[in-house]
Amino acid sequence: MTRPLSPDREREFQELLAFVSFYTTNVSGVTPTSTFSIETVCAAMIEQHGKSKALEGLRQAANDVIEELSDKRAAGVAALDEALRASGLITASEVRRRYGSSYKRVTKRGTIRNDTEYYLINGIVVDLGNGISDEERATLQRLLDRYEAAARGKS
């Protein structure tokens, strides 16, 4: 028998399961009772490998969702965020901030290089429901301001 997840990891599991389930049901059209639904896949993974491995799978699934959203317009992501927020769930922008490799690259580098990165960072800054600190929000806003100033200088 596997040991239970810590309270933080259990909360992460539940948040990601709800997020991926919402996305696959409402955006991708997968019914929750389908053999391909995230609920069904997670249940099988928990039974075979334990909840810790299922959490790893959910992280990968959440990252896949974020990658799918990378080419979507900011308004589409904002609408998805609003629908998630209205359902009491973690937003796509927050998942992107937590798990997205692009976000981590931008913050490590300290600069925004293109419009895709700009919209990623902007979505995180305008999402007031996410868990970023005021300091992190201010840092991200400075990155946005520098990118906008450079873009104005080019036009």
N, C-alpha and C. Protein backbone atom coordinates (compact mmCIF):
# COMPACT_ATOMS: atom_id res chain seq x y z
N MET A 1 0.84 -1.19 0.00
CA MET A 1 0.00 0.00 0.00
C MET A 1 0.88 1.25 0.00
N THR A 2 0.53 2.21 -0.82
CA THR A 2 1.31 3.44 -0.89
C THR A 2 0.87 4.39 0.21
N ARG A 3 1.80 5.24 0.62
CA ARG A 3 1.43 6.19 1.67
C ARG A 3 0.70 7.39 1.05
N PRO A 4 -0.11 8.03 1.85
CA PRO A 4 -0.90 9.15 1.34
C PRO A 4 -0.01 10.36 1.01
N LEU A 5 -0.53 11.21 0.14
CA LEU A 5 0.17 12.45 -0.21
C LEU A 5 0.15 13.41 0.97
N SER A 6 1.14 14.29 1.02
CA SER A 6 1.12 15.35 2.03
C SER A 6 -0.07 16.25 1.75
N PRO A 7 -0.52 17.03 2.73
CA PRO A 7 -1.66 17.93 2.49
C PRO A 7 -1.42 18.88 1.30
N ASP A 8 -0.22 19.41 1.14
CA ASP A 8 0.06 20.31 0.02
C ASP A 8 -0.03 19.59 -1.32
N ARG A 9 0.54 18.40 -1.36
CA ARG A 9 0.49 17.63 -2.62
C ARG A 9 -0.92 17.13 -2.91
N GLU A 10 -1.68 16.82 -1.87
CA GLU A 10 -3.08 16.42 -2.07
C GLU A 10 -3.89 17.59 -2.65
N ARG A 11 -3.65 18.79 -2.12
CA ARG A 11 -4.33 19.99 -2.63
C ARG A 11 -3.93 20.23 -4.09
N GLU A 12 -2.64 20.09 -4.38
CA GLU A 12 -2.17 20.24 -5.76
C GLU A 12 -2.84 19.21 -6.68
N PHE A 13 -2.94 17.97 -6.20
CA PHE A 13 -3.59 16.91 -6.97
C PHE A 13 -5.02 17.30 -7.30
N GLN A 14 -5.76 17.72 -6.28
CA GLN A 14 -7.17 18.06 -6.48
C GLN A 14 -7.34 19.27 -7.41
N GLU A 15 -6.47 20.29 -7.24
CA GLU A 15 -6.54 21.48 -8.11
C GLU A 15 -6.26 21.10 -9.57
N LEU A 16 -5.22 20.33 -9.79
CA LEU A 16 -4.87 19.96 -11.16
C LEU A 16 -5.89 19.03 -11.79
N LEU A 17 -6.41 18.10 -11.00
CA LEU A 17 -7.44 17.20 -11.52
C LEU A 17 -8.67 18.01 -11.96
N ALA A 18 -9.10 18.95 -11.13
CA ALA A 18 -10.26 19.77 -11.47
C ALA A 18 -9.98 20.65 -12.70
N PHE A 19 -8.77 21.23 -12.76
CA PHE A 19 -8.40 22.08 -13.88
C PHE A 19 -8.38 21.30 -15.19
N VAL A 20 -7.65 20.18 -15.21
CA VAL A 20 -7.54 19.39 -16.43
C VAL A 20 -8.90 18.82 -16.82
N SER A 21 -9.68 18.40 -15.85
CA SER A 21 -11.01 17.88 -16.12
C SER A 21 -11.90 18.95 -16.76
N PHE A 22 -11.88 20.16 -16.19
CA PHE A 22 -12.66 21.27 -16.75
C PHE A 22 -12.25 21.52 -18.19
N TYR A 23 -10.95 21.59 -18.43
CA TYR A 23 -10.44 21.89 -19.76
C TYR A 23 -10.84 20.79 -20.76
N THR A 24 -10.58 19.54 -20.39
CA THR A 24 -10.86 18.46 -21.33
C THR A 24 -12.36 18.31 -21.58
N THR A 25 -13.17 18.59 -20.58
CA THR A 25 -14.62 18.50 -20.76
C THR A 25 -15.17 19.68 -21.55
N ASN A 26 -14.79 20.90 -21.15
CA ASN A 26 -15.40 22.10 -21.73
C ASN A 26 -14.72 22.62 -22.99
N VAL A 27 -13.47 22.30 -23.18
CA VAL A 27 -12.75 22.78 -24.37
C VAL A 27 -12.55 21.64 -25.37
N SER A 28 -12.09 20.51 -24.89
CA SER A 28 -11.80 19.39 -25.79
C SER A 28 -13.00 18.50 -26.05
N GLY A 29 -14.04 18.60 -25.23
CA GLY A 29 -15.26 17.84 -25.45
C GLY A 29 -15.21 16.39 -25.00
N VAL A 30 -14.28 16.05 -24.11
CA VAL A 30 -14.20 14.68 -23.59
C VAL A 30 -15.18 14.56 -22.42
N THR A 31 -16.08 13.59 -22.49
CA THR A 31 -17.04 13.44 -21.40
C THR A 31 -16.34 12.82 -20.18
N PRO A 32 -16.75 13.24 -18.98
CA PRO A 32 -16.11 12.72 -17.75
C PRO A 32 -16.20 11.21 -17.59
N THR A 33 -17.14 10.56 -18.26
CA THR A 33 -17.29 9.11 -18.13
C THR A 33 -16.56 8.34 -19.24
N SER A 34 -15.94 9.06 -20.16
CA SER A 34 -15.20 8.43 -21.26
C SER A 34 -14.01 7.66 -20.71
N THR A 35 -13.61 6.63 -21.43
CA THR A 35 -12.41 5.88 -21.02
C THR A 35 -11.16 6.73 -21.18
N PHE A 36 -11.26 7.85 -21.90
CA PHE A 36 -10.12 8.75 -22.11
C PHE A 36 -10.17 9.97 -21.20
N SER A 37 -11.17 10.04 -20.33
CA SER A 37 -11.28 11.20 -19.44
C SER A 37 -10.15 11.18 -18.43
N ILE A 38 -9.78 12.35 -17.96
CA ILE A 38 -8.68 12.46 -16.98
C ILE A 38 -9.07 11.74 -15.69
N GLU A 39 -10.34 11.76 -15.33
CA GLU A 39 -10.78 11.06 -14.13
C GLU A 39 -10.54 9.56 -14.23
N THR A 40 -10.89 8.98 -15.39
CA THR A 40 -10.72 7.55 -15.62
C THR A 40 -9.23 7.18 -15.67
N VAL A 41 -8.46 7.99 -16.37
CA VAL A 41 -7.02 7.74 -16.48
C VAL A 41 -6.36 7.84 -15.11
N CYS A 42 -6.72 8.87 -14.34
CA CYS A 42 -6.15 9.04 -12.99
C CYS A 42 -6.52 7.88 -12.07
N ALA A 43 -7.77 7.46 -12.12
CA ALA A 43 -8.20 6.36 -11.27
C ALA A 43 -7.38 5.09 -11.58
N ALA A 44 -7.16 4.82 -12.86
CA ALA A 44 -6.38 3.65 -13.24
C ALA A 44 -4.92 3.80 -12.80
N MET A 45 -4.38 5.00 -12.95
CA MET A 45 -2.99 5.23 -12.55
C MET A 45 -2.83 5.09 -11.04
N ILE A 46 -3.79 5.61 -10.29
CA ILE A 46 -3.74 5.48 -8.83
C ILE A 46 -3.77 4.01 -8.43
N GLU A 47 -4.65 3.26 -9.06
CA GLU A 47 -4.78 1.85 -8.74
C GLU A 47 -3.50 1.08 -9.06
N GLN A 48 -2.88 1.39 -10.18
CA GLN A 48 -1.69 0.65 -10.62
C GLN A 48 -0.39 1.15 -9.98
N HIS A 49 -0.25 2.49 -9.83
CA HIS A 49 1.04 3.06 -9.44
C HIS A 49 1.01 3.95 -8.21
N GLY A 50 -0.17 4.28 -7.73
CA GLY A 50 -0.29 5.16 -6.58
C GLY A 50 -0.57 6.61 -6.97
N LYS A 51 -0.99 7.36 -5.98
CA LYS A 51 -1.41 8.74 -6.21
C LYS A 51 -0.25 9.66 -6.55
N SER A 52 0.93 9.38 -6.04
CA SER A 52 2.09 10.20 -6.33
C SER A 52 2.41 10.18 -7.83
N LYS A 53 2.36 9.01 -8.44
CA LYS A 53 2.58 8.90 -9.89
C LYS A 53 1.45 9.57 -10.66
N ALA A 54 0.23 9.46 -10.14
CA ALA A 54 -0.89 10.13 -10.79
C ALA A 54 -0.71 11.64 -10.76
N LEU A 55 -0.15 12.16 -9.67
CA LEU A 55 0.13 13.59 -9.57
C LEU A 55 1.15 14.00 -10.63
N GLU A 56 2.17 13.20 -10.83
CA GLU A 56 3.14 13.48 -11.89
C GLU A 56 2.45 13.54 -13.25
N GLY A 57 1.55 12.61 -13.49
CA GLY A 57 0.79 12.60 -14.74
C GLY A 57 -0.08 13.82 -14.89
N LEU A 58 -0.70 14.26 -13.78
CA LEU A 58 -1.52 15.47 -13.83
C LEU A 58 -0.68 16.70 -14.13
N ARG A 59 0.52 16.76 -13.58
CA ARG A 59 1.42 17.88 -13.89
C ARG A 59 1.74 17.91 -15.37
N GLN A 60 2.00 16.75 -15.94
CA GLN A 60 2.29 16.67 -17.37
C GLN A 60 1.06 17.07 -18.18
N ALA A 61 -0.11 16.61 -17.77
CA ALA A 61 -1.34 16.97 -18.48
C ALA A 61 -1.59 18.48 -18.41
N ALA A 62 -1.35 19.07 -17.24
CA ALA A 62 -1.53 20.52 -17.09
C ALA A 62 -0.55 21.26 -17.99
N ASN A 63 0.68 20.79 -18.07
CA ASN A 63 1.66 21.42 -18.95
C ASN A 63 1.25 21.28 -20.41
N ASP A 64 0.65 20.14 -20.77
CA ASP A 64 0.14 19.95 -22.13
C ASP A 64 -0.96 20.97 -22.44
N VAL A 65 -1.84 21.20 -21.48
CA VAL A 65 -2.90 22.21 -21.67
C VAL A 65 -2.27 23.58 -21.89
N ILE A 66 -1.29 23.92 -21.09
CA ILE A 66 -0.63 25.22 -21.22
C ILE A 66 0.03 25.34 -22.59
N GLU A 67 0.66 24.27 -23.06
CA GLU A 67 1.26 24.30 -24.39
C GLU A 67 0.18 24.50 -25.46
N GLU A 68 -0.96 23.84 -25.30
CA GLU A 68 -2.07 24.03 -26.25
C GLU A 68 -2.54 25.47 -26.27
N LEU A 69 -2.52 26.11 -25.12
CA LEU A 69 -2.99 27.49 -25.02
C LEU A 69 -1.96 28.51 -25.50
N SER A 70 -0.73 28.08 -25.73
CA SER A 70 0.33 29.03 -26.06
C SER A 70 0.08 29.78 -27.36
N ASP A 71 -0.67 29.19 -28.28
CA ASP A 71 -0.94 29.88 -29.54
C ASP A 71 -2.34 30.51 -29.57
N LYS A 72 -3.01 30.51 -28.45
CA LYS A 72 -4.34 31.13 -28.37
C LYS A 72 -4.22 32.62 -28.08
N ARG A 73 -5.15 33.37 -28.56
CA ARG A 73 -5.18 34.81 -28.30
C ARG A 73 -5.43 35.08 -26.82
N ALA A 74 -4.92 36.20 -26.36
CA ALA A 74 -5.05 36.58 -24.95
C ALA A 74 -6.51 36.60 -24.52
N ALA A 75 -7.40 37.08 -25.40
CA ALA A 75 -8.82 37.15 -25.05
C ALA A 75 -9.41 35.76 -24.81
N GLY A 76 -8.96 34.77 -25.57
CA GLY A 76 -9.44 33.41 -25.38
C GLY A 76 -8.98 32.82 -24.06
N VAL A 77 -7.73 33.08 -23.70
CA VAL A 77 -7.21 32.61 -22.41
C VAL A 77 -7.92 33.33 -21.27
N ALA A 78 -8.15 34.63 -21.45
CA ALA A 78 -8.86 35.40 -20.41
C ALA A 78 -10.27 34.86 -20.22
N ALA A 79 -10.95 34.50 -21.30
CA ALA A 79 -12.30 33.94 -21.19
C ALA A 79 -12.26 32.59 -20.47
N LEU A 80 -11.26 31.77 -20.79
CA LEU A 80 -11.11 30.49 -20.10
C LEU A 80 -10.83 30.72 -18.62
N ASP A 81 -9.93 31.66 -18.31
CA ASP A 81 -9.64 31.99 -16.91
C ASP A 81 -10.91 32.39 -16.18
N GLU A 82 -11.72 33.21 -16.81
CA GLU A 82 -12.96 33.67 -16.17
C GLU A 82 -13.91 32.51 -15.92
N ALA A 83 -14.03 31.59 -16.87
CA ALA A 83 -14.90 30.42 -16.70
C ALA A 83 -14.38 29.52 -15.58
N LEU A 84 -13.07 29.34 -15.53
CA LEU A 84 -12.48 28.55 -14.45
C LEU A 84 -12.71 29.21 -13.10
N ARG A 85 -12.47 30.52 -13.04
CA ARG A 85 -12.65 31.27 -11.79
C ARG A 85 -14.11 31.20 -11.33
N ALA A 86 -15.04 31.32 -12.28
CA ALA A 86 -16.47 31.26 -11.95
C ALA A 86 -16.85 29.89 -11.40
N SER A 87 -16.10 28.87 -11.79
CA SER A 87 -16.35 27.51 -11.28
C SER A 87 -15.57 27.22 -10.01
N GLY A 88 -14.84 28.22 -9.51
CA GLY A 88 -14.08 28.05 -8.27
C GLY A 88 -12.79 27.26 -8.47
N LEU A 89 -12.26 27.26 -9.69
CA LEU A 89 -11.08 26.46 -9.99
C LEU A 89 -9.87 27.35 -10.24
N ILE A 90 -8.71 26.74 -10.20
CA ILE A 90 -7.46 27.43 -10.51
C ILE A 90 -7.49 27.86 -11.98
N THR A 91 -6.98 29.04 -12.27
CA THR A 91 -7.02 29.55 -13.65
C THR A 91 -5.88 28.98 -14.49
N ALA A 92 -6.06 29.06 -15.80
CA ALA A 92 -5.01 28.64 -16.73
C ALA A 92 -3.77 29.51 -16.55
N SER A 93 -3.97 30.79 -16.30
CA SER A 93 -2.83 31.69 -16.10
C SER A 93 -2.03 31.29 -14.86
N GLU A 94 -2.72 30.87 -13.81
CA GLU A 94 -2.02 30.43 -12.60
C GLU A 94 -1.29 29.11 -12.85
N VAL A 95 -1.92 28.19 -13.57
CA VAL A 95 -1.26 26.93 -13.89
C VAL A 95 -0.03 27.21 -14.75
N ARG A 96 -0.18 28.12 -15.69
CA ARG A 96 0.94 28.50 -16.55
C ARG A 96 2.09 29.07 -15.71
N ARG A 97 1.75 29.89 -14.75
CA ARG A 97 2.77 30.49 -13.89
C ARG A 97 3.48 29.41 -13.08
N ARG A 98 2.72 28.49 -12.54
CA ARG A 98 3.31 27.46 -11.68
C ARG A 98 4.11 26.41 -12.43
N TYR A 99 3.61 26.00 -13.59
CA TYR A 99 4.17 24.82 -14.25
C TYR A 99 4.78 25.08 -15.62
N GLY A 100 4.50 26.24 -16.18
CA GLY A 100 4.95 26.50 -17.54
C GLY A 100 6.43 26.77 -17.65
N SER A 101 7.09 26.03 -18.52
CA SER A 101 8.52 26.22 -18.72
C SER A 101 8.80 27.59 -19.33
N SER A 102 7.91 28.09 -20.16
CA SER A 102 8.11 29.41 -20.77
C SER A 102 8.15 30.49 -19.70
N TYR A 103 7.24 30.40 -18.74
CA TYR A 103 7.22 31.39 -17.66
C TYR A 103 8.53 31.35 -16.88
N LYS A 104 8.98 30.16 -16.59
CA LYS A 104 10.23 30.02 -15.82
C LYS A 104 11.42 30.57 -16.60
N ARG A 105 11.44 30.34 -17.92
CA ARG A 105 12.54 30.88 -18.74
C ARG A 105 12.53 32.41 -18.73
N VAL A 106 11.35 33.01 -18.88
CA VAL A 106 11.26 34.48 -18.91
C VAL A 106 11.71 35.06 -17.58
N THR A 107 11.23 34.50 -16.47
CA THR A 107 11.59 35.07 -15.17
C THR A 107 13.07 34.86 -14.87
N LYS A 108 13.63 33.73 -15.28
CA LYS A 108 15.05 33.50 -15.06
C LYS A 108 15.89 34.46 -15.90
N ARG A 109 15.49 34.66 -17.16
CA ARG A 109 16.20 35.53 -18.07
C ARG A 109 16.03 37.00 -17.70
N GLY A 110 14.83 37.34 -17.22
CA GLY A 110 14.56 38.72 -16.83
C GLY A 110 14.16 39.63 -17.98
N THR A 111 13.82 39.05 -19.12
CA THR A 111 13.36 39.84 -20.26
C THR A 111 12.32 39.06 -21.04
N ILE A 112 11.46 39.81 -21.70
CA ILE A 112 10.46 39.24 -22.60
C ILE A 112 11.00 39.41 -24.02
N ARG A 113 11.06 38.33 -24.78
CA ARG A 113 11.67 38.37 -26.11
C ARG A 113 10.68 38.50 -27.26
N ASN A 114 9.42 38.09 -27.07
CA ASN A 114 8.48 38.12 -28.19
C ASN A 114 7.05 38.28 -27.69
N ASP A 115 6.13 38.42 -28.63
CA ASP A 115 4.73 38.64 -28.27
C ASP A 115 4.14 37.46 -27.51
N THR A 116 4.54 36.24 -27.85
CA THR A 116 4.02 35.07 -27.13
C THR A 116 4.38 35.17 -25.65
N GLU A 117 5.63 35.49 -25.35
CA GLU A 117 6.04 35.65 -23.96
C GLU A 117 5.33 36.84 -23.32
N TYR A 118 5.15 37.89 -24.09
CA TYR A 118 4.44 39.07 -23.57
C TYR A 118 3.03 38.69 -23.11
N TYR A 119 2.29 37.98 -23.96
CA TYR A 119 0.92 37.62 -23.60
C TYR A 119 0.87 36.63 -22.43
N LEU A 120 1.86 35.76 -22.35
CA LEU A 120 1.96 34.86 -21.21
C LEU A 120 2.09 35.66 -19.91
N ILE A 121 3.06 36.57 -19.87
CA ILE A 121 3.31 37.36 -18.66
C ILE A 121 2.14 38.29 -18.38
N ASN A 122 1.58 38.90 -19.41
CA ASN A 122 0.44 39.79 -19.22
C ASN A 122 -0.75 39.05 -18.62
N GLY A 123 -1.01 37.83 -19.10
CA GLY A 123 -2.12 37.04 -18.56
C GLY A 123 -1.95 36.76 -17.08
N ILE A 124 -0.72 36.54 -16.67
CA ILE A 124 -0.44 36.27 -15.26
C ILE A 124 -0.60 37.54 -14.43
N VAL A 125 -0.13 38.66 -14.96
CA VAL A 125 -0.22 39.94 -14.21
C VAL A 125 -1.67 40.37 -14.03
N VAL A 126 -2.49 40.24 -15.05
CA VAL A 126 -3.88 40.72 -14.95
C VAL A 126 -4.79 39.77 -14.18
N ASP A 127 -4.36 38.53 -13.98
CA ASP A 127 -5.16 37.57 -13.22
C ASP A 127 -4.98 37.83 -11.73
N LEU A 128 -5.86 38.64 -11.18
CA LEU A 128 -5.74 39.03 -9.77
C LEU A 128 -6.09 37.90 -8.82
N GLY A 129 -6.65 36.82 -9.34
CA GLY A 129 -7.02 35.70 -8.50
C GLY A 129 -5.91 34.68 -8.31
N ASN A 130 -4.77 34.88 -8.97
CA ASN A 130 -3.71 33.90 -8.81
C ASN A 130 -2.92 34.17 -7.54
N GLY A 131 -1.99 33.31 -7.25
CA GLY A 131 -1.30 33.36 -5.97
C GLY A 131 0.03 34.10 -5.98
N ILE A 132 0.28 34.97 -6.96
CA ILE A 132 1.58 35.62 -6.96
C ILE A 132 1.62 36.75 -5.95
N SER A 133 2.80 37.00 -5.44
CA SER A 133 2.97 38.07 -4.45
C SER A 133 2.96 39.42 -5.15
N ASP A 134 2.76 40.47 -4.38
CA ASP A 134 2.80 41.82 -4.93
C ASP A 134 4.17 42.11 -5.54
N GLU A 135 5.20 41.60 -4.90
CA GLU A 135 6.57 41.81 -5.40
C GLU A 135 6.76 41.13 -6.76
N GLU A 136 6.29 39.89 -6.89
CA GLU A 136 6.42 39.19 -8.16
C GLU A 136 5.58 39.88 -9.24
N ARG A 137 4.38 40.33 -8.88
CA ARG A 137 3.53 41.04 -9.84
C ARG A 137 4.23 42.31 -10.31
N ALA A 138 4.87 43.05 -9.40
CA ALA A 138 5.58 44.28 -9.77
C ALA A 138 6.76 43.97 -10.69
N THR A 139 7.48 42.89 -10.40
CA THR A 139 8.60 42.49 -11.25
C THR A 139 8.12 42.14 -12.65
N LEU A 140 7.03 41.39 -12.74
CA LEU A 140 6.47 41.03 -14.04
C LEU A 140 5.98 42.27 -14.78
N GLN A 141 5.38 43.20 -14.05
CA GLN A 141 4.91 44.43 -14.68
C GLN A 141 6.08 45.22 -15.27
N ARG A 142 7.21 45.23 -14.59
CA ARG A 142 8.40 45.91 -15.12
C ARG A 142 8.87 45.25 -16.42
N LEU A 143 8.81 43.93 -16.48
CA LEU A 143 9.17 43.22 -17.70
C LEU A 143 8.23 43.62 -18.85
N LEU A 144 6.94 43.70 -18.54
CA LEU A 144 5.96 44.12 -19.54
C LEU A 144 6.23 45.54 -20.01
N ASP A 145 6.49 46.43 -19.07
CA ASP A 145 6.74 47.84 -19.41
C ASP A 145 7.96 47.97 -20.31
N ARG A 146 9.03 47.24 -20.00
CA ARG A 146 10.25 47.30 -20.83
C ARG A 146 9.97 46.78 -22.24
N TYR A 147 9.22 45.69 -22.33
CA TYR A 147 8.91 45.12 -23.65
C TYR A 147 8.06 46.10 -24.45
N GLU A 148 7.05 46.69 -23.82
CA GLU A 148 6.18 47.66 -24.51
C GLU A 148 6.98 48.87 -24.97
N ALA A 149 7.88 49.37 -24.12
CA ALA A 149 8.71 50.52 -24.49
C ALA A 149 9.60 50.18 -25.70
N ALA A 150 10.19 48.99 -25.70
CA ALA A 150 11.04 48.58 -26.81
C ALA A 150 10.20 48.43 -28.09
N ALA A 151 8.98 47.90 -27.96
CA ALA A 151 8.11 47.73 -29.13
C ALA A 151 7.71 49.09 -29.70
N ARG A 152 7.44 50.06 -28.83
CA ARG A 152 7.10 51.42 -29.30
C ARG A 152 8.29 52.03 -30.02
N GLY A 153 9.49 51.77 -29.55
CA GLY A 153 10.70 52.31 -30.16
C GLY A 153 10.96 51.76 -31.55
N LYS A 154 10.47 50.54 -31.83
CA LYS A 154 10.66 49.91 -33.13
C LYS A 154 9.65 50.38 -34.17
N SER A 155 8.50 50.91 -33.71
CA SER A 155 7.46 51.27 -34.67
C SER A 155 7.55 52.69 -35.11
